[in-house]
Amino acid sequence: MNKEKMGKFVLARHHESEWNKLGKWTGMTEVHLSDDGFKGAKKMGELIQDFHFDYIFTSSQIRAKETLSSMMETMSINQDVLIESSMNLNERDYGIYTGKNKWEMEKILGEEKFTNIRRGWDYPIEGGESLKMVYERSIPFFLTRILPLIKEGKNVLVVCHGNSSRAMIKYIENISDNDIANIEMPFGSVLIYDLDEKGHIIDKEIRQL
């Protein structure tokens, strides 16, 4: 199947939340966008004004939904577009570290352990998830729910989180377990992919505030 028959896959992370602003690990906690997050999300919508979307997915978490709502204020969007939320796209559960300040924890844990917690592929967290566990719930959803729409020629937007984005990037770009530690999905970034029929990268465009 050539890419002309495939739809576009567009991936965006929610913008700054109130806890992001404070440097706290948020994970599964329901936290609203900050004022800057709402403003930034509107600007993210401007980045993809040239797209018509047939289907939109968000996580079930409020900061992703607020980001989408703000993006839609500035996107050239069909108001009848289908929108679906799924817990499979939720952020990683940070377990015992949820609500703790990242930079204070870095001092307590040391740089190596702190980096493993933040970026590692299969580093365990008490009461929480590793990135591998996020991958194991988000990629089956991507392959069974999102990719079939793209294969039908539909343009699909996904608004989710740092780690669920990283999980999809890992699959799409065939990134190794070790190298995924170097991948981050920053605020204000939108990734636009052309995919093959297995959901792997053909082309990629990055648009960023």
N, C-alpha and C. Protein backbone atom coordinates (compact mmCIF):
# COMPACT_ATOMS: atom_id res chain seq x y z
N MET A 1 0.86 -1.20 0.00
CA MET A 1 0.00 0.00 0.00
C MET A 1 0.88 1.23 0.00
N ASN A 2 0.68 2.14 -0.96
CA ASN A 2 1.53 3.32 -0.98
C ASN A 2 0.94 4.40 -0.09
N LYS A 3 1.82 5.34 0.28
CA LYS A 3 1.42 6.31 1.29
C LYS A 3 0.34 7.27 0.81
N GLU A 4 0.18 7.42 -0.53
CA GLU A 4 -0.87 8.30 -1.04
C GLU A 4 -2.26 7.81 -0.63
N LYS A 5 -2.40 6.52 -0.39
CA LYS A 5 -3.69 5.95 -0.02
C LYS A 5 -3.89 5.93 1.51
N MET A 6 -2.83 6.23 2.23
CA MET A 6 -2.90 6.23 3.68
C MET A 6 -3.22 7.62 4.19
N GLY A 7 -3.93 7.69 5.31
CA GLY A 7 -4.14 8.97 5.95
C GLY A 7 -2.90 9.39 6.72
N LYS A 8 -2.92 10.59 7.23
CA LYS A 8 -1.83 11.10 8.06
C LYS A 8 -2.08 10.75 9.52
N PHE A 9 -1.01 10.50 10.24
CA PHE A 9 -1.09 10.30 11.69
C PHE A 9 -0.40 11.49 12.35
N VAL A 10 -1.15 12.22 13.16
CA VAL A 10 -0.62 13.42 13.81
C VAL A 10 -0.67 13.20 15.32
N LEU A 11 0.48 13.38 15.97
CA LEU A 11 0.64 13.09 17.39
C LEU A 11 1.02 14.35 18.15
N ALA A 12 0.27 14.65 19.22
CA ALA A 12 0.55 15.83 20.03
C ALA A 12 0.49 15.46 21.50
N ARG A 13 1.36 16.10 22.29
CA ARG A 13 1.31 15.95 23.74
C ARG A 13 0.51 17.10 24.33
N HIS A 14 -0.18 16.83 25.44
CA HIS A 14 -0.86 17.93 26.13
C HIS A 14 0.14 19.03 26.47
N HIS A 15 -0.35 20.25 26.61
CA HIS A 15 0.55 21.35 26.98
C HIS A 15 0.69 21.41 28.50
N GLU A 16 1.37 22.42 29.00
CA GLU A 16 1.76 22.49 30.41
C GLU A 16 0.56 22.42 31.37
N SER A 17 0.64 21.52 32.35
CA SER A 17 -0.38 21.43 33.38
C SER A 17 0.07 22.20 34.63
N GLU A 18 -0.84 22.32 35.58
CA GLU A 18 -0.51 23.02 36.83
C GLU A 18 0.62 22.30 37.57
N TRP A 19 0.64 20.98 37.52
CA TRP A 19 1.72 20.24 38.19
C TRP A 19 3.00 20.27 37.37
N ASN A 20 2.91 20.28 36.05
CA ASN A 20 4.11 20.45 35.23
C ASN A 20 4.82 21.74 35.63
N LYS A 21 4.04 22.78 35.80
CA LYS A 21 4.59 24.09 36.15
C LYS A 21 5.33 24.04 37.49
N LEU A 22 4.85 23.18 38.39
CA LEU A 22 5.47 23.04 39.71
C LEU A 22 6.59 22.00 39.73
N GLY A 23 6.80 21.32 38.60
CA GLY A 23 7.84 20.30 38.54
C GLY A 23 7.47 18.99 39.19
N LYS A 24 6.17 18.70 39.32
CA LYS A 24 5.73 17.48 39.98
C LYS A 24 5.45 16.37 38.97
N TRP A 25 5.75 15.14 39.40
CA TRP A 25 5.33 13.98 38.61
C TRP A 25 3.81 13.85 38.73
N THR A 26 3.13 13.85 37.60
CA THR A 26 1.67 13.88 37.59
C THR A 26 1.08 12.50 37.39
N GLY A 27 1.53 11.80 36.38
CA GLY A 27 1.05 10.44 36.14
C GLY A 27 -0.46 10.37 35.95
N MET A 28 -1.12 9.57 36.76
CA MET A 28 -2.55 9.33 36.61
C MET A 28 -3.41 10.36 37.33
N THR A 29 -2.78 11.30 38.05
CA THR A 29 -3.54 12.31 38.78
C THR A 29 -4.22 13.27 37.80
N GLU A 30 -5.45 13.64 38.09
CA GLU A 30 -6.18 14.56 37.23
C GLU A 30 -5.82 16.00 37.61
N VAL A 31 -5.10 16.64 36.73
CA VAL A 31 -4.62 18.01 36.94
C VAL A 31 -4.95 18.83 35.70
N HIS A 32 -5.44 20.05 35.90
CA HIS A 32 -5.81 20.91 34.78
C HIS A 32 -4.58 21.57 34.16
N LEU A 33 -4.76 22.07 32.94
CA LEU A 33 -3.71 22.87 32.31
C LEU A 33 -3.51 24.15 33.10
N SER A 34 -2.28 24.66 33.04
CA SER A 34 -1.99 25.98 33.58
C SER A 34 -2.49 27.04 32.60
N ASP A 35 -2.45 28.29 33.00
CA ASP A 35 -2.83 29.37 32.08
C ASP A 35 -1.96 29.34 30.84
N ASP A 36 -0.66 29.13 31.04
CA ASP A 36 0.26 29.04 29.88
C ASP A 36 -0.06 27.81 29.04
N GLY A 37 -0.52 26.74 29.70
CA GLY A 37 -0.88 25.54 28.96
C GLY A 37 -2.05 25.75 28.04
N PHE A 38 -3.07 26.47 28.51
CA PHE A 38 -4.23 26.78 27.65
C PHE A 38 -3.80 27.64 26.46
N LYS A 39 -2.97 28.64 26.73
CA LYS A 39 -2.50 29.53 25.65
C LYS A 39 -1.66 28.75 24.64
N GLY A 40 -0.76 27.90 25.16
CA GLY A 40 0.10 27.13 24.28
C GLY A 40 -0.67 26.14 23.44
N ALA A 41 -1.71 25.55 24.03
CA ALA A 41 -2.52 24.57 23.29
C ALA A 41 -3.24 25.24 22.11
N LYS A 42 -3.71 26.45 22.31
CA LYS A 42 -4.34 27.17 21.19
C LYS A 42 -3.34 27.38 20.05
N LYS A 43 -2.11 27.70 20.42
CA LYS A 43 -1.07 27.89 19.39
C LYS A 43 -0.73 26.58 18.70
N MET A 44 -0.82 25.46 19.43
CA MET A 44 -0.61 24.16 18.80
C MET A 44 -1.64 23.90 17.72
N GLY A 45 -2.87 24.33 17.99
CA GLY A 45 -3.91 24.19 16.97
C GLY A 45 -3.57 24.94 15.70
N GLU A 46 -2.93 26.10 15.85
CA GLU A 46 -2.54 26.89 14.68
C GLU A 46 -1.49 26.17 13.85
N LEU A 47 -0.69 25.33 14.49
CA LEU A 47 0.36 24.60 13.77
C LEU A 47 -0.19 23.64 12.73
N ILE A 48 -1.43 23.18 12.96
CA ILE A 48 -1.99 22.17 12.05
C ILE A 48 -3.32 22.64 11.47
N GLN A 49 -3.43 23.93 11.24
CA GLN A 49 -4.64 24.49 10.63
C GLN A 49 -4.86 24.00 9.21
N ASP A 50 -3.79 23.52 8.58
CA ASP A 50 -3.90 23.07 7.19
C ASP A 50 -4.43 21.64 7.07
N PHE A 51 -4.73 20.99 8.20
CA PHE A 51 -5.19 19.61 8.17
C PHE A 51 -6.71 19.51 8.37
N HIS A 52 -7.29 18.58 7.66
CA HIS A 52 -8.66 18.14 7.93
C HIS A 52 -8.56 16.79 8.62
N PHE A 53 -9.14 16.68 9.82
CA PHE A 53 -9.09 15.42 10.55
C PHE A 53 -10.43 14.71 10.48
N ASP A 54 -10.33 13.39 10.26
CA ASP A 54 -11.51 12.55 10.21
C ASP A 54 -11.83 11.93 11.58
N TYR A 55 -10.79 11.79 12.39
CA TYR A 55 -10.96 11.12 13.68
C TYR A 55 -9.92 11.67 14.64
N ILE A 56 -10.34 11.86 15.91
CA ILE A 56 -9.43 12.37 16.94
C ILE A 56 -9.53 11.48 18.17
N PHE A 57 -8.38 11.17 18.74
CA PHE A 57 -8.30 10.40 19.98
C PHE A 57 -7.61 11.23 21.06
N THR A 58 -8.08 11.11 22.29
CA THR A 58 -7.36 11.64 23.44
C THR A 58 -7.28 10.54 24.49
N SER A 59 -6.45 10.79 25.50
CA SER A 59 -6.50 9.93 26.68
C SER A 59 -7.79 10.26 27.42
N SER A 60 -8.02 9.57 28.52
CA SER A 60 -9.20 9.86 29.33
C SER A 60 -8.93 10.97 30.35
N GLN A 61 -7.72 11.54 30.34
CA GLN A 61 -7.32 12.49 31.37
C GLN A 61 -7.60 13.93 30.96
N ILE A 62 -7.95 14.74 31.96
CA ILE A 62 -8.48 16.08 31.70
C ILE A 62 -7.48 16.99 31.00
N ARG A 63 -6.19 16.87 31.29
CA ARG A 63 -5.22 17.78 30.66
C ARG A 63 -5.09 17.53 29.16
N ALA A 64 -5.28 16.28 28.74
CA ALA A 64 -5.27 15.99 27.30
C ALA A 64 -6.54 16.51 26.65
N LYS A 65 -7.67 16.34 27.33
CA LYS A 65 -8.94 16.81 26.78
C LYS A 65 -8.97 18.34 26.70
N GLU A 66 -8.43 19.01 27.71
CA GLU A 66 -8.36 20.48 27.68
C GLU A 66 -7.44 20.97 26.58
N THR A 67 -6.36 20.25 26.36
CA THR A 67 -5.45 20.60 25.26
C THR A 67 -6.17 20.50 23.93
N LEU A 68 -6.88 19.40 23.72
CA LEU A 68 -7.62 19.23 22.47
C LEU A 68 -8.66 20.33 22.29
N SER A 69 -9.43 20.62 23.34
CA SER A 69 -10.46 21.66 23.24
C SER A 69 -9.86 23.00 22.86
N SER A 70 -8.71 23.33 23.45
CA SER A 70 -8.04 24.59 23.13
C SER A 70 -7.48 24.57 21.71
N MET A 71 -6.93 23.44 21.30
CA MET A 71 -6.43 23.31 19.93
C MET A 71 -7.56 23.51 18.92
N MET A 72 -8.73 22.97 19.23
CA MET A 72 -9.85 23.03 18.31
C MET A 72 -10.37 24.45 18.12
N GLU A 73 -10.07 25.33 19.05
CA GLU A 73 -10.47 26.73 18.91
C GLU A 73 -9.73 27.41 17.76
N THR A 74 -8.54 26.92 17.44
CA THR A 74 -7.74 27.56 16.39
C THR A 74 -7.48 26.64 15.20
N MET A 75 -7.94 25.40 15.25
CA MET A 75 -7.82 24.50 14.11
C MET A 75 -8.97 24.72 13.14
N SER A 76 -8.72 24.42 11.88
CA SER A 76 -9.80 24.42 10.89
C SER A 76 -10.48 23.06 10.99
N ILE A 77 -11.38 22.96 11.96
CA ILE A 77 -11.90 21.64 12.32
C ILE A 77 -13.35 21.48 11.90
N ASN A 78 -13.67 20.31 11.43
CA ASN A 78 -15.05 19.92 11.17
C ASN A 78 -15.70 19.61 12.52
N GLN A 79 -16.71 20.37 12.88
CA GLN A 79 -17.33 20.20 14.20
C GLN A 79 -18.00 18.83 14.37
N ASP A 80 -18.19 18.11 13.27
CA ASP A 80 -18.77 16.77 13.35
C ASP A 80 -17.71 15.68 13.45
N VAL A 81 -16.45 16.07 13.59
CA VAL A 81 -15.36 15.10 13.66
C VAL A 81 -15.58 14.17 14.85
N LEU A 82 -15.29 12.91 14.66
CA LEU A 82 -15.46 11.91 15.71
C LEU A 82 -14.31 12.00 16.71
N ILE A 83 -14.65 12.09 18.00
CA ILE A 83 -13.64 12.19 19.06
C ILE A 83 -13.85 11.04 20.04
N GLU A 84 -12.77 10.34 20.34
CA GLU A 84 -12.84 9.18 21.24
C GLU A 84 -11.73 9.28 22.27
N SER A 85 -12.05 9.02 23.52
CA SER A 85 -11.02 8.99 24.56
C SER A 85 -10.79 7.56 25.02
N SER A 86 -9.56 7.28 25.43
CA SER A 86 -9.22 5.92 25.85
C SER A 86 -8.19 5.95 26.97
N MET A 87 -8.39 5.11 27.97
CA MET A 87 -7.42 4.96 29.05
C MET A 87 -6.12 4.35 28.56
N ASN A 88 -6.15 3.69 27.41
CA ASN A 88 -4.93 3.11 26.86
C ASN A 88 -3.90 4.18 26.48
N LEU A 89 -4.38 5.40 26.31
CA LEU A 89 -3.49 6.51 25.94
C LEU A 89 -3.10 7.36 27.15
N ASN A 90 -3.50 6.93 28.36
CA ASN A 90 -3.20 7.69 29.55
C ASN A 90 -1.71 7.75 29.85
N GLU A 91 -1.34 8.72 30.68
CA GLU A 91 0.04 8.86 31.09
C GLU A 91 0.47 7.67 31.95
N ARG A 92 1.74 7.50 32.04
CA ARG A 92 2.34 6.49 32.90
C ARG A 92 1.98 6.75 34.36
N ASP A 93 1.71 5.68 35.09
CA ASP A 93 1.46 5.77 36.53
C ASP A 93 2.82 5.81 37.24
N TYR A 94 3.08 6.91 37.94
CA TYR A 94 4.36 7.06 38.62
C TYR A 94 4.37 6.50 40.04
N GLY A 95 3.32 5.80 40.42
CA GLY A 95 3.32 5.09 41.69
C GLY A 95 3.70 5.96 42.88
N ILE A 96 4.68 5.50 43.66
CA ILE A 96 5.06 6.20 44.89
C ILE A 96 5.66 7.58 44.64
N TYR A 97 6.04 7.87 43.39
CA TYR A 97 6.63 9.17 43.08
C TYR A 97 5.59 10.21 42.64
N THR A 98 4.35 9.79 42.47
CA THR A 98 3.30 10.71 42.04
C THR A 98 3.18 11.87 43.02
N GLY A 99 3.17 13.08 42.48
CA GLY A 99 3.02 14.27 43.28
C GLY A 99 4.30 14.81 43.87
N LYS A 100 5.40 14.06 43.74
CA LYS A 100 6.69 14.52 44.27
C LYS A 100 7.38 15.42 43.26
N ASN A 101 8.15 16.37 43.75
CA ASN A 101 8.88 17.29 42.89
C ASN A 101 10.07 16.56 42.25
N LYS A 102 10.14 16.61 40.93
CA LYS A 102 11.18 15.87 40.20
C LYS A 102 12.58 16.29 40.61
N TRP A 103 12.77 17.58 40.75
CA TRP A 103 14.14 18.08 40.96
C TRP A 103 14.60 17.87 42.39
N GLU A 104 13.66 17.85 43.32
CA GLU A 104 14.00 17.46 44.70
C GLU A 104 14.33 15.97 44.76
N MET A 105 13.57 15.17 44.01
CA MET A 105 13.81 13.72 43.99
C MET A 105 15.14 13.39 43.32
N GLU A 106 15.54 14.19 42.36
CA GLU A 106 16.84 13.95 41.71
C GLU A 106 17.97 14.05 42.73
N LYS A 107 17.86 15.01 43.63
CA LYS A 107 18.88 15.18 44.67
C LYS A 107 18.87 14.01 45.64
N ILE A 108 17.69 13.49 45.95
CA ILE A 108 17.55 12.38 46.89
C ILE A 108 18.00 11.06 46.26
N LEU A 109 17.58 10.81 45.03
CA LEU A 109 17.81 9.53 44.38
C LEU A 109 19.17 9.41 43.72
N GLY A 110 19.75 10.54 43.33
CA GLY A 110 20.97 10.52 42.54
C GLY A 110 20.65 10.52 41.06
N GLU A 111 21.57 11.00 40.27
CA GLU A 111 21.31 11.22 38.85
C GLU A 111 20.97 9.93 38.10
N GLU A 112 21.69 8.83 38.38
CA GLU A 112 21.49 7.60 37.62
C GLU A 112 20.10 7.01 37.85
N LYS A 113 19.70 6.88 39.12
CA LYS A 113 18.38 6.32 39.42
C LYS A 113 17.28 7.25 38.92
N PHE A 114 17.48 8.55 39.10
CA PHE A 114 16.51 9.53 38.64
C PHE A 114 16.31 9.42 37.13
N THR A 115 17.38 9.31 36.38
CA THR A 115 17.30 9.20 34.92
C THR A 115 16.61 7.90 34.52
N ASN A 116 16.91 6.82 35.23
CA ASN A 116 16.26 5.54 34.94
C ASN A 116 14.74 5.63 35.16
N ILE A 117 14.35 6.29 36.24
CA ILE A 117 12.92 6.44 36.53
C ILE A 117 12.24 7.25 35.44
N ARG A 118 12.86 8.35 35.04
CA ARG A 118 12.24 9.25 34.07
C ARG A 118 12.26 8.71 32.65
N ARG A 119 13.36 8.06 32.26
CA ARG A 119 13.56 7.76 30.84
C ARG A 119 13.75 6.29 30.52
N GLY A 120 13.97 5.46 31.54
CA GLY A 120 14.28 4.06 31.29
C GLY A 120 13.13 3.30 30.65
N TRP A 121 13.45 2.21 29.97
CA TRP A 121 12.46 1.41 29.26
C TRP A 121 11.71 0.48 30.19
N ASP A 122 12.42 -0.25 31.03
CA ASP A 122 11.77 -1.26 31.87
C ASP A 122 12.23 -1.13 33.32
N TYR A 123 12.30 0.11 33.79
CA TYR A 123 12.75 0.35 35.16
C TYR A 123 11.52 0.35 36.09
N PRO A 124 11.50 -0.54 37.08
CA PRO A 124 10.29 -0.67 37.91
C PRO A 124 10.10 0.50 38.87
N ILE A 125 8.85 0.84 39.08
CA ILE A 125 8.47 1.85 40.07
C ILE A 125 7.44 1.22 41.00
N GLU A 126 7.67 1.32 42.29
CA GLU A 126 6.74 0.73 43.25
C GLU A 126 5.35 1.33 43.10
N GLY A 127 4.38 0.47 42.85
CA GLY A 127 3.00 0.91 42.72
C GLY A 127 2.69 1.60 41.41
N GLY A 128 3.64 1.58 40.46
CA GLY A 128 3.44 2.30 39.21
C GLY A 128 3.79 1.48 37.98
N GLU A 129 4.03 2.18 36.87
CA GLU A 129 4.30 1.54 35.58
C GLU A 129 5.69 1.91 35.05
N SER A 130 6.27 1.01 34.32
CA SER A 130 7.44 1.32 33.51
C SER A 130 6.97 1.80 32.14
N LEU A 131 7.87 2.37 31.35
CA LEU A 131 7.52 2.75 29.98
C LEU A 131 7.11 1.52 29.18
N LYS A 132 7.75 0.39 29.44
CA LYS A 132 7.38 -0.86 28.75
C LYS A 132 5.91 -1.20 28.99
N MET A 133 5.44 -0.99 30.22
CA MET A 133 4.04 -1.28 30.54
C MET A 133 3.09 -0.32 29.83
N VAL A 134 3.50 0.93 29.69
CA VAL A 134 2.70 1.89 28.91
C VAL A 134 2.63 1.44 27.45
N TYR A 135 3.77 1.00 26.92
CA TYR A 135 3.86 0.50 25.55
C TYR A 135 2.90 -0.68 25.36
N GLU A 136 2.85 -1.57 26.35
CA GLU A 136 2.05 -2.79 26.23
C GLU A 136 0.55 -2.53 26.25
N ARG A 137 0.13 -1.34 26.71
CA ARG A 137 -1.30 -1.01 26.63
C ARG A 137 -1.60 -0.05 25.48
N SER A 138 -0.64 0.79 25.12
CA SER A 138 -0.92 1.80 24.09
C SER A 138 -0.72 1.28 22.67
N ILE A 139 0.26 0.42 22.45
CA ILE A 139 0.54 -0.03 21.08
C ILE A 139 -0.54 -0.98 20.56
N PRO A 140 -1.04 -1.93 21.32
CA PRO A 140 -2.17 -2.72 20.81
C PRO A 140 -3.36 -1.83 20.43
N PHE A 141 -3.59 -0.77 21.22
CA PHE A 141 -4.68 0.16 20.88
C PHE A 141 -4.37 0.88 19.58
N PHE A 142 -3.13 1.32 19.42
CA PHE A 142 -2.72 1.98 18.18
C PHE A 142 -2.91 1.05 16.98
N LEU A 143 -2.52 -0.20 17.12
CA LEU A 143 -2.57 -1.13 15.99
C LEU A 143 -3.98 -1.58 15.65
N THR A 144 -4.84 -1.70 16.64
CA THR A 144 -6.19 -2.23 16.39
C THR A 144 -7.25 -1.16 16.21
N ARG A 145 -7.01 0.03 16.77
CA ARG A 145 -8.05 1.06 16.72
C ARG A 145 -7.68 2.24 15.83
N ILE A 146 -6.41 2.67 15.89
CA ILE A 146 -5.98 3.87 15.17
C ILE A 146 -5.49 3.55 13.77
N LEU A 147 -4.57 2.59 13.67
CA LEU A 147 -3.98 2.28 12.36
C LEU A 147 -5.01 1.87 11.31
N PRO A 148 -6.04 1.07 11.64
CA PRO A 148 -7.03 0.74 10.61
C PRO A 148 -7.70 1.97 9.99
N LEU A 149 -7.91 3.01 10.77
CA LEU A 149 -8.50 4.24 10.23
C LEU A 149 -7.54 4.91 9.25
N ILE A 150 -6.26 4.94 9.61
CA ILE A 150 -5.25 5.53 8.73
C ILE A 150 -5.16 4.74 7.43
N LYS A 151 -5.27 3.43 7.52
CA LYS A 151 -5.22 2.58 6.33
C LYS A 151 -6.44 2.79 5.43
N GLU A 152 -7.52 3.31 6.02
CA GLU A 152 -8.70 3.66 5.22
C GLU A 152 -8.55 5.03 4.56
N GLY A 153 -7.42 5.69 4.78
CA GLY A 153 -7.19 7.00 4.19
C GLY A 153 -7.63 8.16 5.07
N LYS A 154 -7.96 7.88 6.32
CA LYS A 154 -8.42 8.93 7.23
C LYS A 154 -7.24 9.59 7.93
N ASN A 155 -7.33 10.91 8.12
CA ASN A 155 -6.34 11.64 8.92
C ASN A 155 -6.74 11.57 10.38
N VAL A 156 -5.80 11.14 11.22
CA VAL A 156 -6.08 10.91 12.63
C VAL A 156 -5.16 11.75 13.51
N LEU A 157 -5.76 12.46 14.46
CA LEU A 157 -5.01 13.23 15.46
C LEU A 157 -5.12 12.51 16.80
N VAL A 158 -3.98 12.37 17.49
CA VAL A 158 -3.96 11.83 18.85
C VAL A 158 -3.33 12.87 19.77
N VAL A 159 -4.05 13.20 20.84
CA VAL A 159 -3.53 14.11 21.87
C VAL A 159 -3.42 13.32 23.16
N CYS A 160 -2.19 13.12 23.62
CA CYS A 160 -2.03 12.30 24.82
C CYS A 160 -0.94 12.88 25.73
N HIS A 161 0.06 12.07 26.10
CA HIS A 161 0.99 12.46 27.17
C HIS A 161 2.43 12.15 26.77
N GLY A 162 3.35 12.59 27.62
CA GLY A 162 4.76 12.39 27.32
C GLY A 162 5.13 10.94 27.11
N ASN A 163 4.70 10.06 28.02
CA ASN A 163 5.13 8.66 27.92
C ASN A 163 4.29 7.84 26.97
N SER A 164 3.00 8.11 26.85
CA SER A 164 2.23 7.38 25.85
C SER A 164 2.65 7.82 24.44
N SER A 165 3.07 9.09 24.30
CA SER A 165 3.64 9.54 23.03
C SER A 165 4.96 8.83 22.75
N ARG A 166 5.82 8.73 23.75
CA ARG A 166 7.11 8.07 23.58
C ARG A 166 6.93 6.60 23.20
N ALA A 167 5.92 5.96 23.77
CA ALA A 167 5.65 4.56 23.43
C ALA A 167 5.29 4.42 21.95
N MET A 168 4.42 5.31 21.46
CA MET A 168 4.04 5.23 20.05
C MET A 168 5.20 5.60 19.14
N ILE A 169 6.00 6.58 19.54
CA ILE A 169 7.18 6.94 18.75
C ILE A 169 8.14 5.76 18.67
N LYS A 170 8.30 5.05 19.78
CA LYS A 170 9.19 3.88 19.80
C LYS A 170 8.76 2.85 18.76
N TYR A 171 7.46 2.56 18.73
CA TYR A 171 6.97 1.58 17.76
C TYR A 171 7.09 2.11 16.33
N ILE A 172 6.59 3.30 16.11
CA ILE A 172 6.52 3.85 14.76
C ILE A 172 7.91 4.00 14.14
N GLU A 173 8.88 4.46 14.95
CA GLU A 173 10.22 4.75 14.43
C GLU A 173 11.22 3.62 14.69
N ASN A 174 10.75 2.49 15.20
CA ASN A 174 11.62 1.33 15.45
C ASN A 174 12.81 1.68 16.33
N ILE A 175 12.54 2.36 17.42
CA ILE A 175 13.59 2.80 18.33
C ILE A 175 13.90 1.69 19.33
N SER A 176 15.17 1.46 19.59
CA SER A 176 15.58 0.38 20.49
C SER A 176 15.23 0.69 21.94
N ASP A 177 15.25 -0.36 22.76
CA ASP A 177 14.95 -0.19 24.18
C ASP A 177 15.92 0.79 24.84
N ASN A 178 17.18 0.73 24.45
CA ASN A 178 18.17 1.63 25.03
C ASN A 178 18.00 3.06 24.52
N ASP A 179 17.76 3.21 23.24
CA ASP A 179 17.72 4.55 22.64
C ASP A 179 16.47 5.34 23.00
N ILE A 180 15.42 4.66 23.44
CA ILE A 180 14.20 5.39 23.79
C ILE A 180 14.44 6.34 24.95
N ALA A 181 15.47 6.09 25.74
CA ALA A 181 15.81 6.98 26.86
C ALA A 181 16.17 8.38 26.36
N ASN A 182 16.60 8.48 25.11
CA ASN A 182 17.00 9.78 24.55
C ASN A 182 15.86 10.52 23.87
N ILE A 183 14.68 9.92 23.85
CA ILE A 183 13.54 10.51 23.15
C ILE A 183 12.63 11.21 24.14
N GLU A 184 12.31 12.46 23.84
CA GLU A 184 11.37 13.21 24.66
C GLU A 184 10.35 13.86 23.74
N MET A 185 9.13 14.00 24.24
CA MET A 185 8.07 14.68 23.51
C MET A 185 7.82 16.01 24.23
N PRO A 186 8.42 17.11 23.77
CA PRO A 186 8.31 18.37 24.50
C PRO A 186 6.95 19.04 24.31
N PHE A 187 6.63 19.97 25.21
CA PHE A 187 5.42 20.76 25.06
C PHE A 187 5.48 21.55 23.76
N GLY A 188 4.31 21.70 23.13
CA GLY A 188 4.23 22.53 21.94
C GLY A 188 4.67 21.86 20.66
N SER A 189 4.95 20.55 20.73
CA SER A 189 5.39 19.82 19.53
C SER A 189 4.23 19.03 18.92
N VAL A 190 4.21 19.00 17.60
CA VAL A 190 3.25 18.18 16.86
C VAL A 190 4.06 17.37 15.84
N LEU A 191 3.89 16.06 15.86
CA LEU A 191 4.58 15.18 14.92
C LEU A 191 3.59 14.71 13.87
N ILE A 192 3.98 14.79 12.62
CA ILE A 192 3.12 14.41 11.50
C ILE A 192 3.80 13.27 10.75
N TYR A 193 3.13 12.13 10.72
CA TYR A 193 3.73 10.93 10.13
C TYR A 193 2.98 10.47 8.89
N ASP A 194 3.77 9.99 7.92
CA ASP A 194 3.29 9.10 6.88
C ASP A 194 3.73 7.70 7.30
N LEU A 195 2.79 6.76 7.34
CA LEU A 195 3.07 5.43 7.84
C LEU A 195 2.86 4.38 6.75
N ASP A 196 3.55 3.25 6.94
CA ASP A 196 3.26 2.11 6.07
C ASP A 196 2.12 1.31 6.68
N GLU A 197 1.76 0.21 6.03
CA GLU A 197 0.57 -0.53 6.47
C GLU A 197 0.76 -1.23 7.81
N LYS A 198 2.00 -1.33 8.29
CA LYS A 198 2.27 -1.92 9.60
C LYS A 198 2.37 -0.84 10.69
N GLY A 199 2.23 0.43 10.28
CA GLY A 199 2.29 1.51 11.25
C GLY A 199 3.69 2.03 11.51
N HIS A 200 4.63 1.71 10.62
CA HIS A 200 6.00 2.19 10.77
C HIS A 200 6.24 3.42 9.88
N ILE A 201 7.25 4.16 10.24
CA ILE A 201 7.51 5.46 9.62
C ILE A 201 7.92 5.34 8.16
N ILE A 202 7.32 6.20 7.34
CA ILE A 202 7.82 6.47 5.99
C ILE A 202 8.42 7.86 5.96
N ASP A 203 7.65 8.84 6.42
CA ASP A 203 8.12 10.22 6.51
C ASP A 203 7.64 10.83 7.83
N LYS A 204 8.35 11.87 8.27
CA LYS A 204 8.01 12.54 9.52
C LYS A 204 8.27 14.04 9.38
N GLU A 205 7.33 14.82 9.87
CA GLU A 205 7.50 16.27 9.92
C GLU A 205 7.26 16.71 11.36
N ILE A 206 8.11 17.60 11.87
CA ILE A 206 7.97 18.14 13.22
C ILE A 206 7.57 19.60 13.12
N ARG A 207 6.48 19.95 13.77
CA ARG A 207 6.10 21.34 13.89
C ARG A 207 6.10 21.70 15.37
N GLN A 208 6.72 22.81 15.70
CA GLN A 208 6.91 23.15 17.11
C GLN A 208 6.77 24.65 17.33
N LEU A 209 6.21 25.01 18.49
CA LEU A 209 6.07 26.41 18.85
C LEU A 209 7.45 27.01 19.12
